[in-house]
Amino acid sequence: MEKSVLLIGKEKSFMVGAIIKGLEKENYSVVCANPLPQFVQQVENKPKIYLLYLGDLTKDDIDLFKYLDEAIDSERFMLYLIGNNEELELAQMYIAKEKIQETYLRPLDVQLLAAQLDSVVEFSEVDENLRKKILIVDDDGAMLRMMRTWLSVKYHVYMASSGKIAMSFLAQNPVDLVLLDYEMPVMNGPEVLKEIRESEKLKHLPVIFLTAKDDKESVMKVVRLKPEKYLLKSMPKEKLTAAIDDFFRGRAGKVT
């Protein structure tokens, strides 16, 4: 991925100009588009990183928010929002939270933004064949999409909305890790993990529970099935993704 971003905002705005200068100083190529759906659509060879500056936008720009919410599903860009608390709340009324990669409060530290985007660019340059593969299993579609948004920066991410679908997928497709919800209809998380451990082909597959259940009884029920970790959905994004990164770093450091 090139160091290139699409900055959506009013080009004559002082702050938009400052963001452009700051990113160009960090060697980013900045493509600008005024905050109307037709102007964004007209951009050719769009970068995969979109920055939406909310400082000059109002409720009159709802069409833009709705457009981005729909377009991200097909165009698979990474969306970052920049604004104050009220502006971010307005945008997130129309753009699903699980589709937003990150939000930044104004005033913006452009150097910090550039450093975080650098890590995105760095991971995108990793050989596709070397990227770890993660299967997320959850009956909550919003949770699936949010985890895909967070993790697809570094990993190949696959999704399954039920235990049965997950087992069918795993029978045909190798992955490096399963993120497994605890409570699901028909076949819950512990039942999925039990089936994985009883499979000759899958029994050594790493599984991490990602759940809202934090009571001791639920945790103890699955300890004997040896999940790698037990993570809570309520964890902040940074801690949750860091725990998954740490898991892979730990396995890379093991002598086999």
Protein backbone atom coordinates (compact mmCIF):
# COMPACT_ATOMS: atom_id res chain seq x y z
CA MET A 1 0.00 0.00 0.00
CA GLU A 2 1.33 3.44 -0.92
CA LYS A 3 1.53 6.22 1.65
CA SER A 4 -1.58 7.80 0.24
CA VAL A 5 -4.85 8.96 1.81
CA LEU A 6 -8.16 10.36 0.64
CA LEU A 7 -9.01 13.40 2.79
CA ILE A 8 -12.69 14.31 2.72
CA GLY A 9 -13.35 17.87 3.84
CA LYS A 10 -13.87 21.40 2.63
CA GLU A 11 -10.64 22.19 0.82
CA LYS A 12 -10.71 25.89 1.71
CA SER A 13 -10.89 25.06 5.41
CA PHE A 14 -7.83 26.16 7.38
CA MET A 15 -7.73 22.88 9.32
CA VAL A 16 -8.03 20.74 6.19
CA GLY A 17 -5.11 22.66 4.73
CA ALA A 18 -3.09 22.11 7.91
CA ILE A 19 -3.79 18.35 7.83
CA ILE A 20 -2.67 18.21 4.19
CA LYS A 21 0.58 20.03 4.95
CA GLY A 22 1.23 17.89 8.02
CA LEU A 23 0.70 14.60 6.18
CA GLU A 24 2.76 15.71 3.17
CA LYS A 25 5.57 16.56 5.60
CA GLU A 26 5.37 12.91 6.72
CA ASN A 27 5.70 11.83 3.05
CA TYR A 28 2.02 11.08 2.47
CA SER A 29 0.31 11.78 -0.82
CA VAL A 30 -3.05 13.43 -0.06
CA VAL A 31 -5.98 13.28 -2.45
CA CYS A 32 -8.76 15.70 -1.49
CA ALA A 33 -12.51 15.51 -2.06
CA ASN A 34 -15.19 17.94 -1.01
CA PRO A 35 -17.74 16.41 1.40
CA LEU A 36 -20.43 15.45 -1.08
CA PRO A 37 -21.02 11.86 -2.26
CA GLN A 38 -20.63 12.76 -5.93
CA PHE A 39 -17.21 14.32 -5.36
CA VAL A 40 -15.96 11.30 -3.44
CA GLN A 41 -17.28 8.96 -6.13
CA GLN A 42 -15.50 10.93 -8.85
CA VAL A 43 -12.05 10.36 -7.34
CA GLU A 44 -10.09 7.92 -9.51
CA ASN A 45 -7.76 5.28 -8.07
CA LYS A 46 -8.94 5.99 -4.54
CA PRO A 47 -6.49 5.25 -1.72
CA LYS A 48 -7.51 2.57 0.77
CA ILE A 49 -7.30 5.01 3.67
CA TYR A 50 -10.10 7.58 4.02
CA LEU A 51 -9.85 10.50 6.46
CA LEU A 52 -13.13 12.31 7.09
CA TYR A 53 -12.70 15.76 8.63
CA LEU A 54 -15.91 16.63 10.45
CA GLY A 55 -15.04 20.14 11.60
CA ASP A 56 -16.99 21.94 8.90
CA LEU A 57 -19.83 19.43 8.51
CA THR A 58 -23.41 19.63 9.80
CA LYS A 59 -26.64 17.68 9.63
CA ASP A 60 -26.86 18.86 6.01
CA ASP A 61 -24.06 16.38 5.27
CA ILE A 62 -26.03 13.29 6.30
CA ASP A 63 -26.03 12.06 2.69
CA LEU A 64 -22.23 11.83 2.85
CA PHE A 65 -22.36 9.81 6.06
CA LYS A 66 -24.92 7.42 4.57
CA TYR A 67 -22.87 7.07 1.39
CA LEU A 68 -19.70 6.15 3.30
CA ASP A 69 -21.61 3.68 5.48
CA GLU A 70 -22.78 1.84 2.36
CA ALA A 71 -19.65 2.23 0.23
CA ILE A 72 -17.26 0.75 2.81
CA ASP A 73 -18.93 -2.67 2.43
CA SER A 74 -18.07 -2.93 -1.27
CA GLU A 75 -14.93 -0.81 -1.56
CA ARG A 76 -13.32 -2.07 1.68
CA PHE A 77 -11.46 1.11 2.55
CA MET A 78 -10.31 2.00 6.09
CA LEU A 79 -12.25 4.94 7.51
CA TYR A 80 -10.86 7.37 10.09
CA LEU A 81 -12.91 10.21 11.57
CA ILE A 82 -11.54 13.53 12.87
CA GLY A 83 -13.75 15.83 14.94
CA ASN A 84 -14.89 16.94 18.36
CA ASN A 85 -17.17 14.80 20.52
CA GLU A 86 -20.41 16.27 19.12
CA GLU A 87 -19.25 15.89 15.52
CA LEU A 88 -18.15 12.30 16.08
CA GLU A 89 -21.48 11.47 17.73
CA LEU A 90 -23.37 12.95 14.77
CA ALA A 91 -21.34 10.98 12.21
CA GLN A 92 -21.74 7.75 14.17
CA MET A 93 -25.51 8.12 14.08
CA TYR A 94 -25.26 7.31 10.36
CA ILE A 95 -21.96 5.43 9.99
CA ALA A 96 -21.97 2.14 11.88
CA LYS A 97 -19.40 2.09 14.67
CA GLU A 98 -18.09 -1.29 13.54
CA LYS A 99 -17.11 0.19 10.16
CA ILE A 100 -14.91 2.94 11.61
CA GLN A 101 -11.25 2.09 12.00
CA GLU A 102 -10.42 4.87 14.45
CA THR A 103 -11.61 8.28 15.66
CA TYR A 104 -9.42 11.29 16.48
CA LEU A 105 -10.41 14.27 18.59
CA ARG A 106 -9.68 17.81 17.46
CA PRO A 107 -7.25 19.47 17.73
CA LEU A 108 -5.48 16.78 15.74
CA ASP A 109 -1.90 15.69 16.34
CA VAL A 110 -0.96 15.06 12.70
CA GLN A 111 2.36 13.43 13.60
CA LEU A 112 0.53 10.90 15.79
CA LEU A 113 -1.97 10.23 13.00
CA ALA A 114 0.86 9.72 10.49
CA ALA A 115 2.70 7.35 12.84
CA GLN A 116 -0.42 5.21 13.26
CA LEU A 117 -1.08 5.22 9.52
CA ASP A 118 2.54 4.17 8.98
CA SER A 119 1.83 0.94 10.88
CA VAL A 120 -1.17 0.29 8.62
CA VAL A 121 0.96 0.79 5.52
CA GLU A 122 3.74 -1.37 6.98
CA PHE A 123 1.42 -4.30 7.66
CA SER A 124 -0.20 -3.99 4.23
CA GLU A 125 3.19 -4.62 2.65
CA VAL A 126 3.60 -7.99 4.35
CA ASP A 127 3.47 -10.83 1.84
CA GLU A 128 -0.14 -11.97 1.59
CA ASN A 129 0.95 -15.58 2.00
CA LEU A 130 2.60 -14.73 5.34
CA ARG A 131 -0.43 -13.07 6.90
CA LYS A 132 -2.02 -15.04 9.71
CA LYS A 133 -5.58 -16.23 9.18
CA ILE A 134 -8.25 -15.67 11.81
CA LEU A 135 -11.79 -17.07 11.87
CA ILE A 136 -14.23 -15.05 13.99
CA VAL A 137 -17.31 -16.97 15.15
CA ASP A 138 -20.21 -14.91 16.54
CA ASP A 139 -23.96 -14.74 15.95
CA ASP A 140 -23.85 -10.94 16.36
CA GLY A 141 -23.34 -9.46 12.89
CA ALA A 142 -22.26 -6.05 14.19
CA MET A 143 -19.57 -7.68 16.36
CA LEU A 144 -18.34 -9.71 13.39
CA ARG A 145 -18.02 -6.61 11.23
CA MET A 146 -16.33 -4.58 13.95
CA MET A 147 -13.72 -7.27 14.62
CA ARG A 148 -13.12 -7.63 10.89
CA THR A 149 -12.57 -3.86 10.65
CA TRP A 150 -10.10 -3.88 13.55
CA LEU A 151 -8.15 -6.99 12.58
CA SER A 152 -8.08 -6.88 8.78
CA VAL A 153 -5.31 -4.26 8.93
CA LYS A 154 -2.88 -7.03 9.94
CA TYR A 155 -4.61 -10.35 9.32
CA HIS A 156 -6.73 -12.32 6.87
CA VAL A 157 -10.11 -12.36 8.56
CA TYR A 158 -12.95 -14.80 7.93
CA MET A 159 -16.36 -14.74 9.61
CA ALA A 160 -18.90 -17.37 10.66
CA SER A 161 -22.27 -16.52 12.17
CA SER A 162 -22.82 -19.90 13.86
CA GLY A 163 -20.94 -22.86 15.28
CA LYS A 164 -22.14 -25.15 12.48
CA ILE A 165 -20.93 -22.73 9.80
CA ALA A 166 -17.60 -22.44 11.61
CA MET A 167 -17.06 -26.21 11.72
CA SER A 168 -17.95 -26.54 8.03
CA PHE A 169 -15.50 -23.75 7.18
CA LEU A 170 -12.70 -25.27 9.27
CA ALA A 171 -13.16 -28.64 7.61
CA GLN A 172 -12.10 -27.08 4.32
CA ASN A 173 -9.95 -24.08 5.24
CA PRO A 174 -6.86 -23.91 7.48
CA VAL A 175 -6.61 -20.94 9.85
CA ASP A 176 -4.11 -19.89 12.51
CA LEU A 177 -6.59 -18.83 15.18
CA VAL A 178 -10.30 -18.98 16.02
CA LEU A 179 -11.96 -16.15 17.95
CA LEU A 180 -15.03 -17.78 19.47
CA ASP A 181 -18.13 -16.30 21.06
CA TYR A 182 -19.42 -18.11 24.16
CA GLU A 183 -23.18 -17.76 23.86
CA MET A 184 -24.69 -18.72 20.50
CA PRO A 185 -27.94 -20.49 19.60
CA VAL A 186 -28.02 -24.17 18.53
CA MET A 187 -24.29 -24.73 19.07
CA ASN A 188 -22.62 -22.55 21.69
CA GLY A 189 -18.94 -21.69 22.03
CA PRO A 190 -17.97 -24.45 24.47
CA GLU A 191 -19.67 -27.02 22.20
CA VAL A 192 -17.74 -25.70 19.20
CA LEU A 193 -14.45 -25.89 21.10
CA LYS A 194 -15.26 -29.41 22.33
CA GLU A 195 -15.84 -30.52 18.72
CA ILE A 196 -12.57 -28.89 17.65
CA ARG A 197 -10.64 -30.69 20.40
CA GLU A 198 -12.22 -34.04 19.46
CA SER A 199 -11.24 -33.65 15.80
CA GLU A 200 -7.98 -35.32 14.84
CA LYS A 201 -7.42 -32.65 12.19
CA LEU A 202 -8.27 -29.62 14.34
CA LYS A 203 -7.43 -30.65 17.91
CA HIS A 204 -4.32 -28.44 18.12
CA LEU A 205 -6.00 -25.38 16.58
CA PRO A 206 -5.61 -22.31 18.84
CA VAL A 207 -8.91 -20.91 20.09
CA ILE A 208 -9.50 -17.69 22.01
CA PHE A 209 -12.86 -16.99 23.60
CA LEU A 210 -14.17 -13.49 22.86
CA THR A 211 -17.22 -13.07 25.00
CA ALA A 212 -19.37 -10.90 27.23
CA LYS A 213 -19.50 -13.63 29.89
CA ASP A 214 -17.02 -12.93 32.67
CA ASP A 215 -18.39 -15.04 35.53
CA LYS A 216 -16.12 -17.64 37.11
CA GLU A 217 -18.51 -20.52 36.36
CA SER A 218 -18.46 -19.87 32.61
CA VAL A 219 -14.68 -19.58 32.57
CA MET A 220 -14.19 -22.81 34.55
CA LYS A 221 -16.49 -24.73 32.20
CA VAL A 222 -14.04 -24.33 29.32
CA VAL A 223 -10.67 -24.46 31.11
CA ARG A 224 -10.31 -28.21 30.51
CA LEU A 225 -10.79 -27.60 26.76
CA LYS A 226 -7.64 -25.46 26.86
CA PRO A 227 -8.52 -22.21 25.08
CA GLU A 228 -5.49 -19.99 24.55
CA LYS A 229 -7.10 -16.95 26.15
CA TYR A 230 -10.41 -15.66 27.45
CA LEU A 231 -11.03 -12.08 26.25
CA LEU A 232 -13.98 -9.82 27.01
CA LYS A 233 -15.89 -7.96 24.32
CA SER A 234 -15.97 -4.95 26.63
CA MET A 235 -12.19 -4.52 26.35
CA PRO A 236 -11.03 -1.33 24.59
CA LYS A 237 -9.95 -1.83 21.00
CA GLU A 238 -6.29 -1.24 21.79
CA LYS A 239 -6.16 -3.89 24.54
CA LEU A 240 -8.15 -6.44 22.56
CA THR A 241 -6.09 -6.19 19.38
CA ALA A 242 -2.87 -6.06 21.42
CA ALA A 243 -3.83 -9.34 23.13
CA ILE A 244 -4.21 -11.01 19.73
CA ASP A 245 -0.93 -9.53 18.49
CA ASP A 246 0.78 -10.77 21.67
CA PHE A 247 -0.63 -14.25 21.10
CA PHE A 248 0.97 -14.48 17.65
CA ARG A 249 4.23 -12.95 18.86
CA GLY A 250 4.33 -15.53 21.65
CA ARG A 251 3.84 -18.41 19.23
CA ALA A 252 6.51 -17.04 16.91
CA GLY A 253 8.95 -17.07 19.82
CA LYS A 254 8.27 -20.71 20.76
CA VAL A 255 10.75 -23.37 19.80
CA THR A 256 9.02 -26.24 18.02
